[in-house]
């Protein structure tokens, strides 16, 4: 480890703090995240890349087709037993899988949620971070120090998130708010068993070991949204809302899927998504 002093931040008065990965990842004092972001160095990882090219045949869905789930959401996330989502008013809903539309509203307001098989995490319109057990409808949300615009709870061993300025943070599970800044800039990300995948504001796609123990690796594609929580595939959405799939770890061999979605999330056995009208869709995965 080496030490890195950040001038102009509230941490500078205390001298220095630990540089964890190269000198692009820093242990950040919880209450000082907004100050640190204000003056911290930005490291761009964007690079021009080609658009995905569809393969002639895509058999991975078997004979399954898209099935509509009653309801209306702007964003959805799936665990093995539950769906969670938020609507255009930031109201929160959950449904026991397979879910035929029996959504139950949960107290609170969140603009984005992400579930694993144990917990569901979310951020509100002010960037505050919360979690609760994935099967808990009536209990209170637990607040976690920090400010994020997007959080991913599906990664093996780590919670990941990005801020309004696209800076990247990770927190070791069970996360109590000890966020570590990671080099690079991402607009949205999602964790899997081995890797964290993310997209930049310019729609470039990157992956890295889930613990950030290696550099970012560019994956040829142009996507605005990505999900890595399925077992064997990652899925992404383009600016034109086309749906793409790539076999993990993915080096750019994308397959186009019929349909259009604005956001999606994968479970072990199915892909879930919402379209631009808020309609909710499910497609079983056949391997």
C-alpha atoms as a PDB file:
ATOM      1  CA  UNK A   1       0.000   0.000   0.000  1.00  0.00           C
ATOM      2  CA  UNK A   2       1.028   3.612  -0.488  1.00  0.00           C
ATOM      3  CA  UNK A   3      -0.406   6.827   0.857  1.00  0.00           C
ATOM      4  CA  UNK A   4      -2.165   9.490  -1.182  1.00  0.00           C
ATOM      5  CA  UNK A   5      -3.033  12.966   0.050  1.00  0.00           C
ATOM      6  CA  UNK A   6      -6.139  14.611  -1.410  1.00  0.00           C
ATOM      7  CA  UNK A   7      -5.891  18.411  -1.227  1.00  0.00           C
ATOM      8  CA  UNK A   8      -9.041  20.420  -0.859  1.00  0.00           C
ATOM      9  CA  UNK A   9     -11.097  17.616   0.705  1.00  0.00           C
ATOM     10  CA  UNK A  10     -12.224  17.143   4.265  1.00  0.00           C
ATOM     11  CA  UNK A  11      -9.817  14.208   4.484  1.00  0.00           C
ATOM     12  CA  UNK A  12      -6.793  16.375   3.742  1.00  0.00           C
ATOM     13  CA  UNK A  13      -6.801  17.764   7.277  1.00  0.00           C
ATOM     14  CA  UNK A  14      -6.147  14.305   8.643  1.00  0.00           C
ATOM     15  CA  UNK A  15      -3.060  13.913   6.426  1.00  0.00           C
ATOM     16  CA  UNK A  16      -3.567  10.944   4.082  1.00  0.00           C
ATOM     17  CA  UNK A  17      -5.394   7.724   3.497  1.00  0.00           C
ATOM     18  CA  UNK A  18      -4.654   4.355   1.962  1.00  0.00           C
ATOM     19  CA  UNK A  19      -4.249   3.775  -1.769  1.00  0.00           C
ATOM     20  CA  UNK A  20      -5.622   0.282  -2.406  1.00  0.00           C
ATOM     21  CA  UNK A  21      -5.516  -0.535  -6.141  1.00  0.00           C
ATOM     22  CA  UNK A  22      -2.637   1.285  -7.839  1.00  0.00           C
ATOM     23  CA  UNK A  23      -3.494   4.748  -6.662  1.00  0.00           C
ATOM     24  CA  UNK A  24      -6.924   4.841  -8.193  1.00  0.00           C
ATOM     25  CA  UNK A  25      -8.804   3.218  -5.324  1.00  0.00           C
ATOM     26  CA  UNK A  26      -9.012   4.904  -1.962  1.00  0.00           C
ATOM     27  CA  UNK A  27     -10.551   4.021   1.372  1.00  0.00           C
ATOM     28  CA  UNK A  28     -13.107   6.795   1.722  1.00  0.00           C
ATOM     29  CA  UNK A  29     -14.426   8.095   5.032  1.00  0.00           C
ATOM     30  CA  UNK A  30     -18.165   7.540   4.948  1.00  0.00           C
ATOM     31  CA  UNK A  31     -19.368  11.027   5.711  1.00  0.00           C
ATOM     32  CA  UNK A  32     -16.816  12.554   3.336  1.00  0.00           C
ATOM     33  CA  UNK A  33     -17.756  10.885   0.058  1.00  0.00           C
ATOM     34  CA  UNK A  34     -19.328  14.021  -1.476  1.00  0.00           C
ATOM     35  CA  UNK A  35     -16.298  16.145  -0.570  1.00  0.00           C
ATOM     36  CA  UNK A  36     -13.869  13.558  -1.889  1.00  0.00           C
ATOM     37  CA  UNK A  37     -15.726  13.341  -5.184  1.00  0.00           C
ATOM     38  CA  UNK A  38     -15.595  17.113  -5.587  1.00  0.00           C
ATOM     39  CA  UNK A  39     -11.814  17.234  -5.812  1.00  0.00           C
ATOM     40  CA  UNK A  40     -10.723  13.702  -6.658  1.00  0.00           C
ATOM     41  CA  UNK A  41      -8.904  12.905  -9.881  1.00  0.00           C
ATOM     42  CA  UNK A  42     -11.001  11.516 -12.726  1.00  0.00           C
ATOM     43  CA  UNK A  43      -9.568   8.632 -14.791  1.00  0.00           C
ATOM     44  CA  UNK A  44     -11.378   8.117 -18.091  1.00  0.00           C
ATOM     45  CA  UNK A  45     -11.718   4.553 -19.385  1.00  0.00           C
ATOM     46  CA  UNK A  46     -13.908   5.261 -22.403  1.00  0.00           C
ATOM     47  CA  UNK A  47     -12.730   4.212 -25.874  1.00  0.00           C
ATOM     48  CA  UNK A  48     -14.422   3.944 -29.265  1.00  0.00           C
ATOM     49  CA  UNK A  49     -15.633   0.416 -30.029  1.00  0.00           C
ATOM     50  CA  UNK A  50     -17.768  -1.213 -32.701  1.00  0.00           C
ATOM     51  CA  UNK A  51     -21.440  -2.029 -32.262  1.00  0.00           C
ATOM     52  CA  UNK A  52     -22.398  -5.662 -31.550  1.00  0.00           C
ATOM     53  CA  UNK A  53     -22.941  -7.852 -34.594  1.00  0.00           C
ATOM     54  CA  UNK A  54     -25.796 -10.362 -34.343  1.00  0.00           C
ATOM     55  CA  UNK A  55     -25.138 -14.077 -34.826  1.00  0.00           C
ATOM     56  CA  UNK A  56     -27.232 -15.930 -37.431  1.00  0.00           C
ATOM     57  CA  UNK A  57     -29.018 -18.149 -34.915  1.00  0.00           C
ATOM     58  CA  UNK A  58     -29.682 -17.727 -31.198  1.00  0.00           C
ATOM     59  CA  UNK A  59     -30.891 -20.981 -29.595  1.00  0.00           C
ATOM     60  CA  UNK A  60     -30.196 -20.161 -25.949  1.00  0.00           C
ATOM     61  CA  UNK A  61     -33.841 -19.355 -25.175  1.00  0.00           C
ATOM     62  CA  UNK A  62     -34.954 -22.727 -26.575  1.00  0.00           C
ATOM     63  CA  UNK A  63     -38.569 -22.425 -27.686  1.00  0.00           C
ATOM     64  CA  UNK A  64     -39.481 -19.840 -25.062  1.00  0.00           C
ATOM     65  CA  UNK A  65     -41.131 -16.525 -25.920  1.00  0.00           C
ATOM     66  CA  UNK A  66     -41.637 -13.271 -24.086  1.00  0.00           C
ATOM     67  CA  UNK A  67     -44.440 -13.385 -21.512  1.00  0.00           C
ATOM     68  CA  UNK A  68     -45.968 -10.207 -20.117  1.00  0.00           C
ATOM     69  CA  UNK A  69     -46.326  -9.823 -16.340  1.00  0.00           C
ATOM     70  CA  UNK A  70     -49.180  -7.515 -15.271  1.00  0.00           C
ATOM     71  CA  UNK A  71     -47.943  -4.261 -13.760  1.00  0.00           C
ATOM     72  CA  UNK A  72     -46.048  -1.131 -14.722  1.00  0.00           C
ATOM     73  CA  UNK A  73     -42.485  -0.351 -13.635  1.00  0.00           C
ATOM     74  CA  UNK A  74     -39.535   1.748 -14.759  1.00  0.00           C
ATOM     75  CA  UNK A  75     -36.953  -0.703 -13.398  1.00  0.00           C
ATOM     76  CA  UNK A  76     -36.913  -4.354 -12.255  1.00  0.00           C
ATOM     77  CA  UNK A  77     -34.545  -6.739 -10.498  1.00  0.00           C
ATOM     78  CA  UNK A  78     -34.759 -10.488  -9.921  1.00  0.00           C
ATOM     79  CA  UNK A  79     -33.541 -12.914  -7.272  1.00  0.00           C
ATOM     80  CA  UNK A  80     -34.123 -16.656  -7.245  1.00  0.00           C
ATOM     81  CA  UNK A  81     -37.450 -16.298  -5.411  1.00  0.00           C
ATOM     82  CA  UNK A  82     -38.536 -12.647  -5.700  1.00  0.00           C
ATOM     83  CA  UNK A  83     -38.930  -9.764  -8.109  1.00  0.00           C
ATOM     84  CA  UNK A  84     -38.467  -6.188  -6.931  1.00  0.00           C
ATOM     85  CA  UNK A  85     -39.108  -3.011  -8.880  1.00  0.00           C
ATOM     86  CA  UNK A  86     -39.824   0.697  -8.782  1.00  0.00           C
ATOM     87  CA  UNK A  87     -42.335   2.689 -10.809  1.00  0.00           C
ATOM     88  CA  UNK A  88     -42.200   6.187 -12.336  1.00  0.00           C
ATOM     89  CA  UNK A  89     -43.127   7.701  -8.951  1.00  0.00           C
ATOM     90  CA  UNK A  90     -40.310   5.800  -7.161  1.00  0.00           C
ATOM     91  CA  UNK A  91     -42.855   3.600  -5.366  1.00  0.00           C
ATOM     92  CA  UNK A  92     -41.422   0.189  -4.490  1.00  0.00           C
ATOM     93  CA  UNK A  93     -43.018  -3.169  -5.267  1.00  0.00           C
ATOM     94  CA  UNK A  94     -42.176  -6.849  -4.807  1.00  0.00           C
ATOM     95  CA  UNK A  95     -43.696 -10.044  -6.177  1.00  0.00           C
ATOM     96  CA  UNK A  96     -43.061 -13.696  -5.313  1.00  0.00           C
ATOM     97  CA  UNK A  97     -41.791 -15.575  -8.340  1.00  0.00           C
ATOM     98  CA  UNK A  98     -42.900 -16.786 -10.797  1.00  0.00           C
ATOM     99  CA  UNK A  99     -45.109 -13.655 -10.361  1.00  0.00           C
ATOM    100  CA  UNK A 100     -48.410 -13.407 -12.172  1.00  0.00           C
ATOM    101  CA  UNK A 101     -48.906  -9.759 -11.254  1.00  0.00           C
ATOM    102  CA  UNK A 102     -49.545 -10.023  -7.510  1.00  0.00           C
ATOM    103  CA  UNK A 103     -47.350  -7.047  -6.694  1.00  0.00           C
ATOM    104  CA  UNK A 104     -47.159  -5.868  -3.084  1.00  0.00           C
ATOM    105  CA  UNK A 105     -46.218  -2.247  -2.425  1.00  0.00           C
ATOM    106  CA  UNK A 106     -43.383  -1.772   0.062  1.00  0.00           C
ATOM    107  CA  UNK A 107     -42.997   1.362   2.203  1.00  0.00           C
ATOM    108  CA  UNK A 108     -40.482   3.920   1.015  1.00  0.00           C
ATOM    109  CA  UNK A 109     -39.323   5.648  -2.149  1.00  0.00           C
ATOM    110  CA  UNK A 110     -36.393   4.454  -4.278  1.00  0.00           C
ATOM    111  CA  UNK A 111     -35.357   5.330  -7.816  1.00  0.00           C
ATOM    112  CA  UNK A 112     -33.337   2.135  -8.413  1.00  0.00           C
ATOM    113  CA  UNK A 113     -33.103  -1.297  -6.762  1.00  0.00           C
ATOM    114  CA  UNK A 114     -30.924  -4.392  -7.139  1.00  0.00           C
ATOM    115  CA  UNK A 115     -31.467  -7.750  -5.465  1.00  0.00           C
ATOM    116  CA  UNK A 116     -29.389 -10.784  -4.674  1.00  0.00           C
ATOM    117  CA  UNK A 117     -30.755 -13.959  -3.120  1.00  0.00           C
ATOM    118  CA  UNK A 118     -30.448 -12.547   0.425  1.00  0.00           C
ATOM    119  CA  UNK A 119     -30.913  -8.776   0.257  1.00  0.00           C
ATOM    120  CA  UNK A 120     -32.341  -6.014  -1.925  1.00  0.00           C
ATOM    121  CA  UNK A 121     -30.436  -2.723  -2.149  1.00  0.00           C
ATOM    122  CA  UNK A 122     -31.579   0.618  -3.482  1.00  0.00           C
ATOM    123  CA  UNK A 123     -30.905   4.330  -3.785  1.00  0.00           C
ATOM    124  CA  UNK A 124     -33.388   7.176  -3.489  1.00  0.00           C
ATOM    125  CA  UNK A 125     -33.644  10.384  -5.509  1.00  0.00           C
ATOM    126  CA  UNK A 126     -31.144  12.094  -3.197  1.00  0.00           C
ATOM    127  CA  UNK A 127     -28.584   9.295  -3.563  1.00  0.00           C
ATOM    128  CA  UNK A 128     -29.090   7.814  -0.090  1.00  0.00           C
ATOM    129  CA  UNK A 129     -28.450   4.067   0.098  1.00  0.00           C
ATOM    130  CA  UNK A 130     -30.692   1.456   1.746  1.00  0.00           C
ATOM    131  CA  UNK A 131     -31.101  -2.305   2.014  1.00  0.00           C
ATOM    132  CA  UNK A 132     -33.403  -4.892   3.538  1.00  0.00           C
ATOM    133  CA  UNK A 133     -33.796  -8.663   3.360  1.00  0.00           C
ATOM    134  CA  UNK A 134     -35.178  -9.725   0.000  1.00  0.00           C
ATOM    135  CA  UNK A 135     -38.175 -11.501   1.587  1.00  0.00           C
ATOM    136  CA  UNK A 136     -38.996  -8.625   3.973  1.00  0.00           C
ATOM    137  CA  UNK A 137     -42.099  -6.667   2.999  1.00  0.00           C
ATOM    138  CA  UNK A 138     -43.028  -5.016   6.310  1.00  0.00           C
ATOM    139  CA  UNK A 139     -39.651  -4.339   7.947  1.00  0.00           C
ATOM    140  CA  UNK A 140     -37.758  -1.051   7.904  1.00  0.00           C
ATOM    141  CA  UNK A 141     -35.081  -0.189   5.390  1.00  0.00           C
ATOM    142  CA  UNK A 142     -31.517  -0.076   6.760  1.00  0.00           C
ATOM    143  CA  UNK A 143     -29.602   3.074   5.839  1.00  0.00           C
ATOM    144  CA  UNK A 144     -25.986   2.784   4.660  1.00  0.00           C
ATOM    145  CA  UNK A 145     -23.678   5.845   4.692  1.00  0.00           C
ATOM    146  CA  UNK A 146     -22.689   7.132   1.267  1.00  0.00           C
ATOM    147  CA  UNK A 147     -24.165   8.802  -1.803  1.00  0.00           C
ATOM    148  CA  UNK A 148     -24.773   6.887  -5.074  1.00  0.00           C
ATOM    149  CA  UNK A 149     -27.019   7.127  -8.143  1.00  0.00           C
ATOM    150  CA  UNK A 150     -26.868   3.379  -8.894  1.00  0.00           C
ATOM    151  CA  UNK A 151     -26.058   0.314  -6.780  1.00  0.00           C
ATOM    152  CA  UNK A 152     -25.387  -3.340  -7.604  1.00  0.00           C
ATOM    153  CA  UNK A 153     -25.852  -6.017  -4.944  1.00  0.00           C
ATOM    154  CA  UNK A 154     -25.497  -9.116  -7.133  1.00  0.00           C
ATOM    155  CA  UNK A 155     -21.702  -9.343  -7.134  1.00  0.00           C
ATOM    156  CA  UNK A 156     -19.921 -12.149  -5.296  1.00  0.00           C
ATOM    157  CA  UNK A 157     -18.644 -10.669  -2.024  1.00  0.00           C
ATOM    158  CA  UNK A 158     -18.980  -7.003  -2.980  1.00  0.00           C
ATOM    159  CA  UNK A 159     -21.521  -4.200  -3.297  1.00  0.00           C
ATOM    160  CA  UNK A 160     -20.677  -1.828  -6.175  1.00  0.00           C
ATOM    161  CA  UNK A 161     -22.042   1.593  -7.036  1.00  0.00           C
ATOM    162  CA  UNK A 162     -21.560   4.742  -9.093  1.00  0.00           C
ATOM    163  CA  UNK A 163     -22.132   8.389  -8.213  1.00  0.00           C
ATOM    164  CA  UNK A 164     -23.750  11.240 -10.122  1.00  0.00           C
ATOM    165  CA  UNK A 165     -20.293  12.052 -11.513  1.00  0.00           C
ATOM    166  CA  UNK A 166     -19.823   8.418 -12.682  1.00  0.00           C
ATOM    167  CA  UNK A 167     -17.142   7.687 -10.112  1.00  0.00           C
ATOM    168  CA  UNK A 168     -17.019   4.072  -8.968  1.00  0.00           C
ATOM    169  CA  UNK A 169     -17.090   2.613  -5.462  1.00  0.00           C
ATOM    170  CA  UNK A 170     -17.085  -0.873  -3.953  1.00  0.00           C
ATOM    171  CA  UNK A 171     -17.875  -2.087  -0.429  1.00  0.00           C
ATOM    172  CA  UNK A 172     -17.100  -5.508   1.037  1.00  0.00           C
ATOM    173  CA  UNK A 173     -20.183  -7.514   2.040  1.00  0.00           C
ATOM    174  CA  UNK A 174     -21.742  -7.214   4.551  1.00  0.00           C
ATOM    175  CA  UNK A 175     -21.397  -3.551   3.641  1.00  0.00           C
ATOM    176  CA  UNK A 176     -21.788  -1.030   6.474  1.00  0.00           C
ATOM    177  CA  UNK A 177     -20.589   1.968   4.467  1.00  0.00           C
ATOM    178  CA  UNK A 178     -16.800   1.546   4.145  1.00  0.00           C
ATOM    179  CA  UNK A 179     -16.686   2.514   0.472  1.00  0.00           C
ATOM    180  CA  UNK A 180     -13.466   2.168  -1.548  1.00  0.00           C
ATOM    181  CA  UNK A 181     -13.106   4.313  -4.648  1.00  0.00           C
ATOM    182  CA  UNK A 182     -12.090   2.428  -7.800  1.00  0.00           C
ATOM    183  CA  UNK A 183     -10.370   4.040 -10.787  1.00  0.00           C
ATOM    184  CA  UNK A 184     -12.434   4.786 -13.877  1.00  0.00           C
ATOM    185  CA  UNK A 185     -15.805   6.274 -14.765  1.00  0.00           C
ATOM    186  CA  UNK A 186     -18.994   4.267 -15.317  1.00  0.00           C
ATOM    187  CA  UNK A 187     -22.617   5.259 -15.729  1.00  0.00           C
ATOM    188  CA  UNK A 188     -24.121   1.890 -14.718  1.00  0.00           C
ATOM    189  CA  UNK A 189     -22.728  -1.461 -13.574  1.00  0.00           C
ATOM    190  CA  UNK A 190     -23.709  -4.943 -12.429  1.00  0.00           C
ATOM    191  CA  UNK A 191     -21.835  -7.649 -10.545  1.00  0.00           C
ATOM    192  CA  UNK A 192     -21.635 -11.380 -11.171  1.00  0.00           C
ATOM    193  CA  UNK A 193     -19.853 -14.349  -9.630  1.00  0.00           C
ATOM    194  CA  UNK A 194     -16.423 -13.521 -11.083  1.00  0.00           C
ATOM    195  CA  UNK A 195     -16.594 -10.106 -12.751  1.00  0.00           C
ATOM    196  CA  UNK A 196     -18.112  -6.654 -12.439  1.00  0.00           C
ATOM    197  CA  UNK A 197     -19.409  -5.324 -15.777  1.00  0.00           C
ATOM    198  CA  UNK A 198     -20.195  -1.696 -16.525  1.00  0.00           C
ATOM    199  CA  UNK A 199     -21.038   0.828 -19.232  1.00  0.00           C
ATOM    200  CA  UNK A 200     -19.754   4.361 -19.619  1.00  0.00           C
ATOM    201  CA  UNK A 201     -21.787   7.444 -20.462  1.00  0.00           C
ATOM    202  CA  UNK A 202     -20.471   6.947 -24.005  1.00  0.00           C
ATOM    203  CA  UNK A 203     -21.906   3.383 -24.093  1.00  0.00           C
ATOM    204  CA  UNK A 204     -18.553   1.591 -23.970  1.00  0.00           C
ATOM    205  CA  UNK A 205     -18.530  -1.699 -22.045  1.00  0.00           C
ATOM    206  CA  UNK A 206     -15.902  -2.882 -19.551  1.00  0.00           C
ATOM    207  CA  UNK A 207     -15.328  -5.760 -17.169  1.00  0.00           C
ATOM    208  CA  UNK A 208     -13.020  -6.328 -14.219  1.00  0.00           C
ATOM    209  CA  UNK A 209     -12.526  -8.934 -11.507  1.00  0.00           C
ATOM    210  CA  UNK A 210     -15.299  -8.588  -8.926  1.00  0.00           C
ATOM    211  CA  UNK A 211     -12.744  -7.550  -6.279  1.00  0.00           C
ATOM    212  CA  UNK A 212     -11.064  -5.040  -8.668  1.00  0.00           C
ATOM    213  CA  UNK A 213      -7.803  -6.980  -8.510  1.00  0.00           C
ATOM    214  CA  UNK A 214      -7.038  -6.389 -12.205  1.00  0.00           C
ATOM    215  CA  UNK A 215      -7.387  -3.453 -14.639  1.00  0.00           C
ATOM    216  CA  UNK A 216     -10.554  -2.659 -16.592  1.00  0.00           C
ATOM    217  CA  UNK A 217     -10.856  -4.653 -19.829  1.00  0.00           C
ATOM    218  CA  UNK A 218     -12.727  -3.261 -22.820  1.00  0.00           C
ATOM    219  CA  UNK A 219     -15.459  -5.450 -24.382  1.00  0.00           C
ATOM    220  CA  UNK A 220     -16.333  -4.474 -27.978  1.00  0.00           C
ATOM    221  CA  UNK A 221     -19.952  -3.222 -27.986  1.00  0.00           C
ATOM    222  CA  UNK A 222     -22.140  -0.134 -27.593  1.00  0.00           C
ATOM    223  CA  UNK A 223     -24.639  -0.518 -24.736  1.00  0.00           C
ATOM    224  CA  UNK A 224     -26.440   1.819 -22.336  1.00  0.00           C
ATOM    225  CA  UNK A 225     -27.364  -0.865 -19.781  1.00  0.00           C
ATOM    226  CA  UNK A 226     -25.900  -4.219 -18.720  1.00  0.00           C
ATOM    227  CA  UNK A 227     -26.784  -7.068 -16.350  1.00  0.00           C
ATOM    228  CA  UNK A 228     -24.366  -9.759 -15.184  1.00  0.00           C
ATOM    229  CA  UNK A 229     -26.412 -11.526 -12.492  1.00  0.00           C
ATOM    230  CA  UNK A 230     -27.283 -14.573 -14.605  1.00  0.00           C
ATOM    231  CA  UNK A 231     -25.177 -17.715 -14.321  1.00  0.00           C
ATOM    232  CA  UNK A 232     -23.661 -18.015 -17.783  1.00  0.00           C
ATOM    233  CA  UNK A 233     -24.554 -14.909 -19.795  1.00  0.00           C
ATOM    234  CA  UNK A 234     -24.488 -11.161 -19.630  1.00  0.00           C
ATOM    235  CA  UNK A 235     -27.308  -9.182 -21.240  1.00  0.00           C
ATOM    236  CA  UNK A 236     -27.301  -5.621 -22.468  1.00  0.00           C
ATOM    237  CA  UNK A 237     -29.553  -2.947 -23.919  1.00  0.00           C
ATOM    238  CA  UNK A 238     -28.472  -0.575 -26.699  1.00  0.00           C
ATOM    239  CA  UNK A 239     -29.489   3.061 -27.129  1.00  0.00           C
ATOM    240  CA  UNK A 240     -32.150   1.887 -29.608  1.00  0.00           C
ATOM    241  CA  UNK A 241     -33.395  -0.595 -26.951  1.00  0.00           C
ATOM    242  CA  UNK A 242     -32.183  -3.680 -28.804  1.00  0.00           C
ATOM    243  CA  UNK A 243     -31.412  -6.650 -26.527  1.00  0.00           C
ATOM    244  CA  UNK A 244     -28.052  -8.422 -26.691  1.00  0.00           C
ATOM    245  CA  UNK A 245     -26.578 -11.490 -25.033  1.00  0.00           C
ATOM    246  CA  UNK A 246     -22.941 -12.621 -24.641  1.00  0.00           C
ATOM    247  CA  UNK A 247     -21.520 -15.795 -23.070  1.00  0.00           C
ATOM    248  CA  UNK A 248     -19.453 -15.067 -19.969  1.00  0.00           C
ATOM    249  CA  UNK A 249     -16.776 -13.858 -19.581  1.00  0.00           C
ATOM    250  CA  UNK A 250     -17.594 -12.204 -22.962  1.00  0.00           C
ATOM    251  CA  UNK A 251     -14.969 -10.944 -25.388  1.00  0.00           C
ATOM    252  CA  UNK A 252     -17.467  -9.312 -27.729  1.00  0.00           C
ATOM    253  CA  UNK A 253     -19.330 -12.232 -29.321  1.00  0.00           C
ATOM    254  CA  UNK A 254     -22.790 -10.692 -28.989  1.00  0.00           C
ATOM    255  CA  UNK A 255     -26.066 -12.299 -30.061  1.00  0.00           C
ATOM    256  CA  UNK A 256     -29.133 -10.205 -30.741  1.00  0.00           C
ATOM    257  CA  UNK A 257     -32.434 -11.186 -29.089  1.00  0.00           C
ATOM    258  CA  UNK A 258     -35.828 -10.289 -30.503  1.00  0.00           C
ATOM    259  CA  UNK A 259     -37.764  -7.578 -28.706  1.00  0.00           C
ATOM    260  CA  UNK A 260     -37.046  -4.159 -27.229  1.00  0.00           C
ATOM    261  CA  UNK A 261     -36.423  -3.260 -23.584  1.00  0.00           C
ATOM    262  CA  UNK A 262     -35.231  -0.167 -21.741  1.00  0.00           C
ATOM    263  CA  UNK A 263     -33.797  -2.149 -18.802  1.00  0.00           C
ATOM    264  CA  UNK A 264     -33.344  -5.818 -17.876  1.00  0.00           C
ATOM    265  CA  UNK A 265     -32.110  -8.113 -15.118  1.00  0.00           C
ATOM    266  CA  UNK A 266     -31.196 -11.798 -15.290  1.00  0.00           C
ATOM    267  CA  UNK A 267     -31.813 -14.577 -12.795  1.00  0.00           C
ATOM    268  CA  UNK A 268     -30.538 -18.143 -13.027  1.00  0.00           C
ATOM    269  CA  UNK A 269     -33.535 -19.315 -15.045  1.00  0.00           C
ATOM    270  CA  UNK A 270     -35.095 -16.242 -16.661  1.00  0.00           C
ATOM    271  CA  UNK A 271     -34.525 -12.778 -18.054  1.00  0.00           C
ATOM    272  CA  UNK A 272     -36.815  -9.985 -16.843  1.00  0.00           C
ATOM    273  CA  UNK A 273     -37.174  -6.514 -18.281  1.00  0.00           C
ATOM    274  CA  UNK A 274     -39.296  -3.416 -18.716  1.00  0.00           C
ATOM    275  CA  UNK A 275     -39.946  -1.573 -21.953  1.00  0.00           C
ATOM    276  CA  UNK A 276     -40.266   2.148 -22.618  1.00  0.00           C
ATOM    277  CA  UNK A 277     -43.969   2.050 -21.684  1.00  0.00           C
ATOM    278  CA  UNK A 278     -43.275   0.407 -18.323  1.00  0.00           C
ATOM    279  CA  UNK A 279     -44.664  -2.977 -19.380  1.00  0.00           C
ATOM    280  CA  UNK A 280     -42.970  -5.922 -17.640  1.00  0.00           C
ATOM    281  CA  UNK A 281     -41.659  -8.975 -19.493  1.00  0.00           C
ATOM    282  CA  UNK A 282     -40.172 -12.381 -18.699  1.00  0.00           C
ATOM    283  CA  UNK A 283     -38.433 -14.905 -20.899  1.00  0.00           C
ATOM    284  CA  UNK A 284     -37.284 -18.286 -19.633  1.00  0.00           C
ATOM    285  CA  UNK A 285     -33.712 -19.314 -20.265  1.00  0.00           C
ATOM    286  CA  UNK A 286     -33.098 -22.754 -21.763  1.00  0.00           C
ATOM    287  CA  UNK A 287     -29.606 -24.242 -21.603  1.00  0.00           C
END
